[in-house]
Amino acid sequence: MDMDLLIAPIIIFMIIVAPIWLILHYRSKRQVSQGLTDEEYTQLNDLIAKADKMAQRIDTLEAILDSEAPQWRSRDDGR
């Protein structure tokens, strides 16, 4: 009797849910293994260029602060 109650959900799972699950699983595995697309690679290079430019700006600002307010690094602003 208990087994009869489990047969219908198992059959529904095997016919409907399992194939969809497998298809989606292997599709995502394939996308991960393919690596970056051309668009993602371009975006990554743009972000790298922006990060380099920001690092240069920070270095420039620190140099200005070092010359105008030499003690700025040692100030405690309550943090």
PDB file of N, CA and C in Angstrom:
ATOM      1  N   MET A   1       0.821  -1.190   0.000  1.00  0.00           N
ATOM      2  CA  MET A   1       0.000   0.000   0.000  1.00  0.00           C
ATOM      3  C   MET A   1       0.865   1.254   0.000  1.00  0.00           C
ATOM      4  N   ASP A   2       1.918   1.293   0.842  1.00  0.00           N
ATOM      5  CA  ASP A   2       2.803   2.450   0.887  1.00  0.00           C
ATOM      6  C   ASP A   2       3.530   2.634  -0.435  1.00  0.00           C
ATOM      7  N   MET A   3       3.871   1.538  -1.074  1.00  0.00           N
ATOM      8  CA  MET A   3       4.585   1.602  -2.342  1.00  0.00           C
ATOM      9  C   MET A   3       3.686   2.158  -3.443  1.00  0.00           C
ATOM     10  N   ASP A   4       2.401   1.874  -3.373  1.00  0.00           N
ATOM     11  CA  ASP A   4       1.471   2.380  -4.379  1.00  0.00           C
ATOM     12  C   ASP A   4       1.389   3.907  -4.340  1.00  0.00           C
ATOM     13  N   LEU A   5       1.543   4.485  -3.158  1.00  0.00           N
ATOM     14  CA  LEU A   5       1.487   5.938  -3.034  1.00  0.00           C
ATOM     15  C   LEU A   5       2.726   6.619  -3.616  1.00  0.00           C
ATOM     16  N   LEU A   6       3.842   5.913  -3.652  1.00  0.00           N
ATOM     17  CA  LEU A   6       5.084   6.489  -4.150  1.00  0.00           C
ATOM     18  C   LEU A   6       5.269   6.319  -5.649  1.00  0.00           C
ATOM     19  N   ILE A   7       4.565   5.385  -6.251  1.00  0.00           N
ATOM     20  CA  ILE A   7       4.790   5.096  -7.667  1.00  0.00           C
ATOM     21  C   ILE A   7       4.423   6.283  -8.548  1.00  0.00           C
ATOM     22  N   ALA A   8       3.287   6.915  -8.324  1.00  0.00           N
ATOM     23  CA  ALA A   8       2.859   8.035  -9.172  1.00  0.00           C
ATOM     24  C   ALA A   8       3.840   9.216  -9.084  1.00  0.00           C
ATOM     25  N   PRO A   9       4.250   9.670  -7.889  1.00  0.00           N
ATOM     26  CA  PRO A   9       5.223  10.779  -7.857  1.00  0.00           C
ATOM     27  C   PRO A   9       6.573  10.417  -8.479  1.00  0.00           C
ATOM     28  N   ILE A  10       6.996   9.189  -8.325  1.00  0.00           N
ATOM     29  CA  ILE A  10       8.262   8.759  -8.926  1.00  0.00           C
ATOM     30  C   ILE A  10       8.166   8.775 -10.440  1.00  0.00           C
ATOM     31  N   ILE A  11       7.069   8.297 -10.983  1.00  0.00           N
ATOM     32  CA  ILE A  11       6.887   8.285 -12.439  1.00  0.00           C
ATOM     33  C   ILE A  11       6.834   9.713 -12.971  1.00  0.00           C
ATOM     34  N   ILE A  12       6.101  10.592 -12.300  1.00  0.00           N
ATOM     35  CA  ILE A  12       6.024  11.991 -12.729  1.00  0.00           C
ATOM     36  C   ILE A  12       7.407  12.636 -12.677  1.00  0.00           C
ATOM     37  N   PHE A  13       8.142  12.361 -11.620  1.00  0.00           N
ATOM     38  CA  PHE A  13       9.493  12.905 -11.500  1.00  0.00           C
ATOM     39  C   PHE A  13      10.375  12.424 -12.642  1.00  0.00           C
ATOM     40  N   MET A  14      10.335  11.137 -12.924  1.00  0.00           N
ATOM     41  CA  MET A  14      11.209  10.556 -13.960  1.00  0.00           C
ATOM     42  C   MET A  14      10.829  11.026 -15.365  1.00  0.00           C
ATOM     43  N   ILE A  15       9.574  11.289 -15.608  1.00  0.00           N
ATOM     44  CA  ILE A  15       9.138  11.670 -16.952  1.00  0.00           C
ATOM     45  C   ILE A  15       9.275  13.174 -17.190  1.00  0.00           C
ATOM     46  N   ILE A  16       8.997  13.978 -16.186  1.00  0.00           N
ATOM     47  CA  ILE A  16       8.956  15.431 -16.386  1.00  0.00           C
ATOM     48  C   ILE A  16      10.159  16.142 -15.771  1.00  0.00           C
ATOM     49  N   VAL A  17      10.386  15.945 -14.495  1.00  0.00           N
ATOM     50  CA  VAL A  17      11.386  16.744 -13.777  1.00  0.00           C
ATOM     51  C   VAL A  17      12.818  16.325 -14.113  1.00  0.00           C
ATOM     52  N   ALA A  18      13.103  15.051 -14.100  1.00  0.00           N
ATOM     53  CA  ALA A  18      14.477  14.578 -14.309  1.00  0.00           C
ATOM     54  C   ALA A  18      15.055  15.003 -15.665  1.00  0.00           C
ATOM     55  N   PRO A  19      14.337  14.841 -16.782  1.00  0.00           N
ATOM     56  CA  PRO A  19      14.921  15.274 -18.056  1.00  0.00           C
ATOM     57  C   PRO A  19      15.190  16.783 -18.115  1.00  0.00           C
ATOM     58  N   ILE A  20      14.253  17.581 -17.593  1.00  0.00           N
ATOM     59  CA  ILE A  20      14.464  19.035 -17.587  1.00  0.00           C
ATOM     60  C   ILE A  20      15.670  19.375 -16.727  1.00  0.00           C
ATOM     61  N   TRP A  21      15.771  18.741 -15.576  1.00  0.00           N
ATOM     62  CA  TRP A  21      16.881  18.964 -14.667  1.00  0.00           C
ATOM     63  C   TRP A  21      18.205  18.626 -15.351  1.00  0.00           C
ATOM     64  N   LEU A  22      18.269  17.488 -16.007  1.00  0.00           N
ATOM     65  CA  LEU A  22      19.502  17.081 -16.687  1.00  0.00           C
ATOM     66  C   LEU A  22      19.866  18.035 -17.822  1.00  0.00           C
ATOM     67  N   ILE A  23      18.884  18.438 -18.604  1.00  0.00           N
ATOM     68  CA  ILE A  23      19.150  19.363 -19.713  1.00  0.00           C
ATOM     69  C   ILE A  23      19.714  20.679 -19.179  1.00  0.00           C
ATOM     70  N   LEU A  24      19.075  21.227 -18.174  1.00  0.00           N
ATOM     71  CA  LEU A  24      19.548  22.500 -17.615  1.00  0.00           C
ATOM     72  C   LEU A  24      20.919  22.355 -16.957  1.00  0.00           C
ATOM     73  N   HIS A  25      21.155  21.236 -16.305  1.00  0.00           N
ATOM     74  CA  HIS A  25      22.447  21.003 -15.657  1.00  0.00           C
ATOM     75  C   HIS A  25      23.579  20.966 -16.685  1.00  0.00           C
ATOM     76  N   TYR A  26      23.400  20.176 -17.739  1.00  0.00           N
ATOM     77  CA  TYR A  26      24.484  20.050 -18.712  1.00  0.00           C
ATOM     78  C   TYR A  26      24.625  21.294 -19.576  1.00  0.00           C
ATOM     79  N   ARG A  27      23.553  22.044 -19.763  1.00  0.00           N
ATOM     80  CA  ARG A  27      23.655  23.314 -20.489  1.00  0.00           C
ATOM     81  C   ARG A  27      24.505  24.296 -19.688  1.00  0.00           C
ATOM     82  N   SER A  28      24.273  24.365 -18.380  1.00  0.00           N
ATOM     83  CA  SER A  28      25.066  25.281 -17.556  1.00  0.00           C
ATOM     84  C   SER A  28      26.518  24.822 -17.475  1.00  0.00           C
ATOM     85  N   LYS A  29      26.754  23.512 -17.422  1.00  0.00           N
ATOM     86  CA  LYS A  29      28.131  22.996 -17.408  1.00  0.00           C
ATOM     87  C   LYS A  29      28.861  23.396 -18.695  1.00  0.00           C
ATOM     88  N   ARG A  30      28.167  23.301 -19.831  1.00  0.00           N
ATOM     89  CA  ARG A  30      28.779  23.639 -21.110  1.00  0.00           C
ATOM     90  C   ARG A  30      29.118  25.123 -21.167  1.00  0.00           C
ATOM     91  N   GLN A  31      28.219  25.979 -20.674  1.00  0.00           N
ATOM     92  CA  GLN A  31      28.465  27.410 -20.694  1.00  0.00           C
ATOM     93  C   GLN A  31      29.657  27.775 -19.825  1.00  0.00           C
ATOM     94  N   VAL A  32      29.802  27.121 -18.694  1.00  0.00           N
ATOM     95  CA  VAL A  32      30.931  27.397 -17.802  1.00  0.00           C
ATOM     96  C   VAL A  32      32.233  26.945 -18.449  1.00  0.00           C
ATOM     97  N   SER A  33      32.207  25.805 -19.109  1.00  0.00           N
ATOM     98  CA  SER A  33      33.443  25.273 -19.682  1.00  0.00           C
ATOM     99  C   SER A  33      33.881  26.021 -20.931  1.00  0.00           C
ATOM    100  N   GLN A  34      32.970  26.752 -21.572  1.00  0.00           N
ATOM    101  CA  GLN A  34      33.333  27.482 -22.790  1.00  0.00           C
ATOM    102  C   GLN A  34      34.168  28.713 -22.493  1.00  0.00           C
ATOM    103  N   GLY A  35      34.134  29.209 -21.290  1.00  0.00           N
ATOM    104  CA  GLY A  35      34.925  30.389 -20.944  1.00  0.00           C
ATOM    105  C   GLY A  35      34.180  31.662 -21.260  1.00  0.00           C
ATOM    106  N   LEU A  36      34.937  32.737 -21.437  1.00  0.00           N
ATOM    107  CA  LEU A  36      34.353  34.050 -21.663  1.00  0.00           C
ATOM    108  C   LEU A  36      33.933  34.228 -23.120  1.00  0.00           C
ATOM    109  N   THR A  37      32.805  34.905 -23.301  1.00  0.00           N
ATOM    110  CA  THR A  37      32.405  35.278 -24.654  1.00  0.00           C
ATOM    111  C   THR A  37      33.207  36.500 -25.074  1.00  0.00           C
ATOM    112  N   ASP A  38      33.106  36.871 -26.339  1.00  0.00           N
ATOM    113  CA  ASP A  38      33.831  38.050 -26.823  1.00  0.00           C
ATOM    114  C   ASP A  38      33.361  39.304 -26.099  1.00  0.00           C
ATOM    115  N   GLU A  39      32.058  39.403 -25.855  1.00  0.00           N
ATOM    116  CA  GLU A  39      31.518  40.570 -25.146  1.00  0.00           C
ATOM    117  C   GLU A  39      32.033  40.628 -23.714  1.00  0.00           C
ATOM    118  N   GLU A  40      32.057  39.485 -23.030  1.00  0.00           N
ATOM    119  CA  GLU A  40      32.564  39.445 -21.662  1.00  0.00           C
ATOM    120  C   GLU A  40      34.050  39.777 -21.616  1.00  0.00           C
ATOM    121  N   TYR A  41      34.799  39.286 -22.607  1.00  0.00           N
ATOM    122  CA  TYR A  41      36.227  39.569 -22.674  1.00  0.00           C
ATOM    123  C   TYR A  41      36.465  41.065 -22.877  1.00  0.00           C
ATOM    124  N   THR A  42      35.651  41.704 -23.729  1.00  0.00           N
ATOM    125  CA  THR A  42      35.762  43.147 -23.958  1.00  0.00           C
ATOM    126  C   THR A  42      35.417  43.910 -22.689  1.00  0.00           C
ATOM    127  N   GLN A  43      34.353  43.501 -22.001  1.00  0.00           N
ATOM    128  CA  GLN A  43      33.978  44.151 -20.750  1.00  0.00           C
ATOM    129  C   GLN A  43      35.077  44.014 -19.705  1.00  0.00           C
ATOM    130  N   LEU A  44      35.678  42.835 -19.625  1.00  0.00           N
ATOM    131  CA  LEU A  44      36.762  42.613 -18.675  1.00  0.00           C
ATOM    132  C   LEU A  44      37.946  43.520 -18.970  1.00  0.00           C
ATOM    133  N   ASN A  45      38.306  43.649 -20.231  1.00  0.00           N
ATOM    134  CA  ASN A  45      39.415  44.532 -20.602  1.00  0.00           C
ATOM    135  C   ASN A  45      39.090  45.990 -20.295  1.00  0.00           C
ATOM    136  N   ASP A  46      37.835  46.398 -20.520  1.00  0.00           N
ATOM    137  CA  ASP A  46      37.423  47.761 -20.176  1.00  0.00           C
ATOM    138  C   ASP A  46      37.538  48.004 -18.677  1.00  0.00           C
ATOM    139  N   LEU A  47      37.106  47.031 -17.882  1.00  0.00           N
ATOM    140  CA  LEU A  47      37.202  47.169 -16.428  1.00  0.00           C
ATOM    141  C   LEU A  47      38.649  47.225 -15.959  1.00  0.00           C
ATOM    142  N   ILE A  48      39.511  46.459 -16.595  1.00  0.00           N
ATOM    143  CA  ILE A  48      40.934  46.495 -16.248  1.00  0.00           C
ATOM    144  C   ILE A  48      41.514  47.872 -16.555  1.00  0.00           C
ATOM    145  N   ALA A  49      41.147  48.426 -17.708  1.00  0.00           N
ATOM    146  CA  ALA A  49      41.647  49.760 -18.078  1.00  0.00           C
ATOM    147  C   ALA A  49      41.136  50.818 -17.095  1.00  0.00           C
ATOM    148  N   LYS A  50      39.860  50.716 -16.707  1.00  0.00           N
ATOM    149  CA  LYS A  50      39.306  51.671 -15.746  1.00  0.00           C
ATOM    150  C   LYS A  50      39.980  51.530 -14.383  1.00  0.00           C
ATOM    151  N   ALA A  51      40.260  50.307 -13.971  1.00  0.00           N
ATOM    152  CA  ALA A  51      40.929  50.090 -12.685  1.00  0.00           C
ATOM    153  C   ALA A  51      42.344  50.664 -12.715  1.00  0.00           C
ATOM    154  N   ASP A  52      43.059  50.486 -13.822  1.00  0.00           N
ATOM    155  CA  ASP A  52      44.406  51.061 -13.946  1.00  0.00           C
ATOM    156  C   ASP A  52      44.362  52.586 -13.889  1.00  0.00           C
ATOM    157  N   LYS A  53      43.377  53.174 -14.582  1.00  0.00           N
ATOM    158  CA  LYS A  53      43.236  54.630 -14.582  1.00  0.00           C
ATOM    159  C   LYS A  53      42.906  55.131 -13.175  1.00  0.00           C
ATOM    160  N   MET A  54      42.035  54.413 -12.469  1.00  0.00           N
ATOM    161  CA  MET A  54      41.681  54.800 -11.105  1.00  0.00           C
ATOM    162  C   MET A  54      42.889  54.682 -10.180  1.00  0.00           C
ATOM    163  N   ALA A  55      43.690  53.659 -10.360  1.00  0.00           N
ATOM    164  CA  ALA A  55      44.895  53.499  -9.532  1.00  0.00           C
ATOM    165  C   ALA A  55      45.862  54.661  -9.766  1.00  0.00           C
ATOM    166  N   GLN A  56      45.993  55.095 -11.022  1.00  0.00           N
ATOM    167  CA  GLN A  56      46.850  56.242 -11.319  1.00  0.00           C
ATOM    168  C   GLN A  56      46.319  57.506 -10.659  1.00  0.00           C
ATOM    169  N   ARG A  57      45.000  57.693 -10.688  1.00  0.00           N
ATOM    170  CA  ARG A  57      44.396  58.862 -10.055  1.00  0.00           C
ATOM    171  C   ARG A  57      44.631  58.848  -8.544  1.00  0.00           C
ATOM    172  N   ILE A  58      44.485  57.681  -7.942  1.00  0.00           N
ATOM    173  CA  ILE A  58      44.715  57.566  -6.503  1.00  0.00           C
ATOM    174  C   ILE A  58      46.168  57.892  -6.163  1.00  0.00           C
ATOM    175  N   ASP A  59      47.090  57.377  -6.969  1.00  0.00           N
ATOM    176  CA  ASP A  59      48.504  57.689  -6.742  1.00  0.00           C
ATOM    177  C   ASP A  59      48.759  59.187  -6.848  1.00  0.00           C
ATOM    178  N   THR A  60      48.139  59.833  -7.835  1.00  0.00           N
ATOM    179  CA  THR A  60      48.303  61.278  -8.009  1.00  0.00           C
ATOM    180  C   THR A  60      47.730  62.034  -6.811  1.00  0.00           C
ATOM    181  N   LEU A  61      46.530  61.653  -6.380  1.00  0.00           N
ATOM    182  CA  LEU A  61      45.918  62.311  -5.217  1.00  0.00           C
ATOM    183  C   LEU A  61      46.749  62.115  -3.958  1.00  0.00           C
ATOM    184  N   GLU A  62      47.298  60.930  -3.763  1.00  0.00           N
ATOM    185  CA  GLU A  62      48.139  60.691  -2.598  1.00  0.00           C
ATOM    186  C   GLU A  62      49.409  61.532  -2.656  1.00  0.00           C
ATOM    187  N   ALA A  63      49.969  61.681  -3.855  1.00  0.00           N
ATOM    188  CA  ALA A  63      51.173  62.512  -3.991  1.00  0.00           C
ATOM    189  C   ALA A  63      50.859  63.967  -3.662  1.00  0.00           C
ATOM    190  N   ILE A  64      49.710  64.441  -4.126  1.00  0.00           N
ATOM    191  CA  ILE A  64      49.302  65.821  -3.818  1.00  0.00           C
ATOM    192  C   ILE A  64      49.109  65.987  -2.317  1.00  0.00           C
ATOM    193  N   LEU A  65      48.403  65.045  -1.704  1.00  0.00           N
ATOM    194  CA  LEU A  65      48.182  65.118  -0.261  1.00  0.00           C
ATOM    195  C   LEU A  65      49.498  65.025   0.510  1.00  0.00           C
ATOM    196  N   ASP A  66      50.416  64.190   0.050  1.00  0.00           N
ATOM    197  CA  ASP A  66      51.717  64.079   0.718  1.00  0.00           C
ATOM    198  C   ASP A  66      52.463  65.406   0.696  1.00  0.00           C
ATOM    199  N   SER A  67      52.358  66.134  -0.411  1.00  0.00           N
ATOM    200  CA  SER A  67      53.093  67.401  -0.499  1.00  0.00           C
ATOM    201  C   SER A  67      52.384  68.532   0.241  1.00  0.00           C
ATOM    202  N   GLU A  68      51.050  68.525   0.237  1.00  0.00           N
ATOM    203  CA  GLU A  68      50.315  69.631   0.863  1.00  0.00           C
ATOM    204  C   GLU A  68      49.983  69.388   2.330  1.00  0.00           C
ATOM    205  N   ALA A  69      49.766  68.154   2.720  1.00  0.00           N
ATOM    206  CA  ALA A  69      49.420  67.823   4.113  1.00  0.00           C
ATOM    207  C   ALA A  69      50.144  66.537   4.489  1.00  0.00           C
ATOM    208  N   PRO A  70      51.433  66.649   4.848  1.00  0.00           N
ATOM    209  CA  PRO A  70      52.261  65.466   5.082  1.00  0.00           C
ATOM    210  C   PRO A  70      51.726  64.512   6.169  1.00  0.00           C
ATOM    211  N   GLN A  71      50.935  65.019   7.075  1.00  0.00           N
ATOM    212  CA  GLN A  71      50.443  64.177   8.184  1.00  0.00           C
ATOM    213  C   GLN A  71      49.087  63.527   7.888  1.00  0.00           C
ATOM    214  N   TRP A  72      48.578  63.610   6.667  1.00  0.00           N
ATOM    215  CA  TRP A  72      47.237  63.117   6.382  1.00  0.00           C
ATOM    216  C   TRP A  72      47.104  61.605   6.593  1.00  0.00           C
ATOM    217  N   ARG A  73      48.169  60.863   6.416  1.00  0.00           N
ATOM    218  CA  ARG A  73      48.088  59.400   6.572  1.00  0.00           C
ATOM    219  C   ARG A  73      47.957  58.988   8.027  1.00  0.00           C
ATOM    220  N   SER A  74      48.476  59.790   8.914  1.00  0.00           N
ATOM    221  CA  SER A  74      48.460  59.413  10.338  1.00  0.00           C
ATOM    222  C   SER A  74      47.262  59.975  11.079  1.00  0.00           C
ATOM    223  N   ARG A  75      46.416  60.740  10.430  1.00  0.00           N
ATOM    224  CA  ARG A  75      45.236  61.306  11.093  1.00  0.00           C
ATOM    225  C   ARG A  75      44.224  60.210  11.394  1.00  0.00           C
ATOM    226  N   ASP A  76      43.646  60.323  12.565  1.00  0.00           N
ATOM    227  CA  ASP A  76      42.595  59.386  12.960  1.00  0.00           C
ATOM    228  C   ASP A  76      41.273  60.129  12.901  1.00  0.00           C
ATOM    229  N   ASP A  77      40.409  59.699  11.975  1.00  0.00           N
ATOM    230  CA  ASP A  77      39.132  60.397  11.835  1.00  0.00           C
ATOM    231  C   ASP A  77      38.014  59.691  12.596  1.00  0.00           C
ATOM    232  N   GLY A  78      38.351  58.930  13.617  1.00  0.00           N
ATOM    233  CA  GLY A  78      37.354  58.304  14.454  1.00  0.00           C
ATOM    234  C   GLY A  78      36.898  56.934  14.000  1.00  0.00           C
ATOM    235  N   ARG A  79      37.542  56.343  13.046  1.00  0.00           N
ATOM    236  CA  ARG A  79      37.150  55.005  12.563  1.00  0.00           C
ATOM    237  C   ARG A  79      37.825  53.926  13.345  1.00  0.00           C
TER     238      ARG A  79
END
